[in-house]
Amino acid sequence: MVDYEGDYRIKRLPARMALRNEKTWSKLNAEISRHGAVSFDRLTALCKDHEHGTKSANHPYQFVTYCIRRKWLERIHD
């Protein structure tokens, strides 16, 4: 499993996304905009009420890793 620990910032904004994802993305975007970068754990906490599209993706961190894989979020390296 990939290690996702660390702080993240917005890399690029999504061109479009499902309505259920827009709600959660807006939370992530707002938090990062306020702080510049946010920890993976904090991003995951913001996703606790996320409505997932499939039954196999039901953990809050899965939306965060989805955003990372889509290159909407990037980890800040020291």
Protein backbone atom coordinates (compact mmCIF):
# COMPACT_ATOMS: atom_id res chain seq x y z
CA MET A 1 0.00 0.00 0.00
CA VAL A 2 1.16 3.49 -0.84
CA ASP A 3 2.04 5.76 2.08
CA TYR A 4 -0.17 8.85 1.91
CA GLU A 5 1.00 10.47 5.14
CA GLY A 6 1.89 14.15 4.83
CA ASP A 7 0.44 17.51 3.87
CA TYR A 8 -1.41 18.17 0.63
CA ARG A 9 -2.29 21.18 -1.47
CA ILE A 10 -4.43 21.70 -4.56
CA LYS A 11 -2.54 20.75 -7.71
CA ARG A 12 -5.36 21.46 -10.15
CA LEU A 13 -9.10 21.84 -10.04
CA PRO A 14 -11.28 19.10 -11.45
CA ALA A 15 -12.89 19.90 -14.79
CA ARG A 16 -16.07 18.14 -13.66
CA MET A 17 -17.22 15.56 -11.15
CA ALA A 18 -20.30 13.78 -9.87
CA LEU A 19 -22.57 15.88 -7.66
CA ARG A 20 -21.90 13.64 -4.64
CA ASN A 21 -18.17 14.36 -5.07
CA GLU A 22 -18.61 18.13 -5.51
CA LYS A 23 -19.96 18.49 -1.99
CA THR A 24 -16.96 16.77 -0.42
CA TRP A 25 -14.46 18.39 -2.79
CA SER A 26 -15.74 21.83 -1.74
CA LYS A 27 -14.91 20.97 1.90
CA LEU A 28 -11.38 19.90 0.96
CA ASN A 29 -10.85 22.91 -1.27
CA ALA A 30 -12.07 25.34 1.40
CA GLU A 31 -9.83 23.84 4.09
CA ILE A 32 -6.76 23.87 1.87
CA SER A 33 -7.52 27.42 0.71
CA ARG A 34 -7.64 28.55 4.35
CA HIS A 35 -4.41 26.84 5.40
CA GLY A 36 -2.36 26.42 2.21
CA ALA A 37 -1.80 22.72 2.93
CA VAL A 38 -3.64 20.15 5.02
CA SER A 39 -2.63 16.77 6.42
CA PHE A 40 -3.93 13.55 4.92
CA ASP A 41 -5.58 12.75 8.25
CA ARG A 42 -7.43 16.09 8.33
CA LEU A 43 -8.58 15.64 4.72
CA THR A 44 -9.85 12.17 5.60
CA ALA A 45 -11.78 13.56 8.59
CA LEU A 46 -13.47 16.07 6.28
CA CYS A 47 -14.69 13.16 4.15
CA LYS A 48 -16.41 11.23 6.96
CA ASP A 49 -19.90 11.93 5.54
CA HIS A 50 -18.92 11.44 1.88
CA GLU A 51 -21.45 9.54 -0.22
CA HIS A 52 -19.41 6.95 -2.10
CA GLY A 53 -20.38 5.73 -5.55
CA THR A 54 -19.76 2.05 -4.83
CA LYS A 55 -20.23 -0.22 -1.84
CA SER A 56 -16.58 -1.30 -1.97
CA ALA A 57 -15.43 2.32 -1.49
CA ASN A 58 -16.90 3.19 1.87
CA HIS A 59 -13.97 4.55 3.87
CA PRO A 60 -13.46 8.32 4.11
CA TYR A 61 -9.80 8.11 3.04
CA GLN A 62 -10.83 6.59 -0.29
CA PHE A 63 -12.17 9.89 -1.61
CA VAL A 64 -8.90 11.59 -0.64
CA THR A 65 -6.82 8.94 -2.42
CA TYR A 66 -9.18 9.25 -5.41
CA CYS A 67 -8.37 12.98 -5.54
CA ILE A 68 -4.64 12.24 -5.27
CA ARG A 69 -4.78 9.68 -8.09
CA ARG A 70 -6.66 12.18 -10.27
CA LYS A 71 -3.83 14.65 -9.55
CA TRP A 72 -6.21 17.18 -8.00
CA LEU A 73 -4.17 17.02 -4.77
CA GLU A 74 -0.40 16.79 -4.41
CA ARG A 75 1.76 16.05 -1.42
CA ILE A 76 4.16 18.73 -0.27
CA HIS A 77 7.65 17.31 0.16
CA ASP A 78 10.07 18.80 2.66
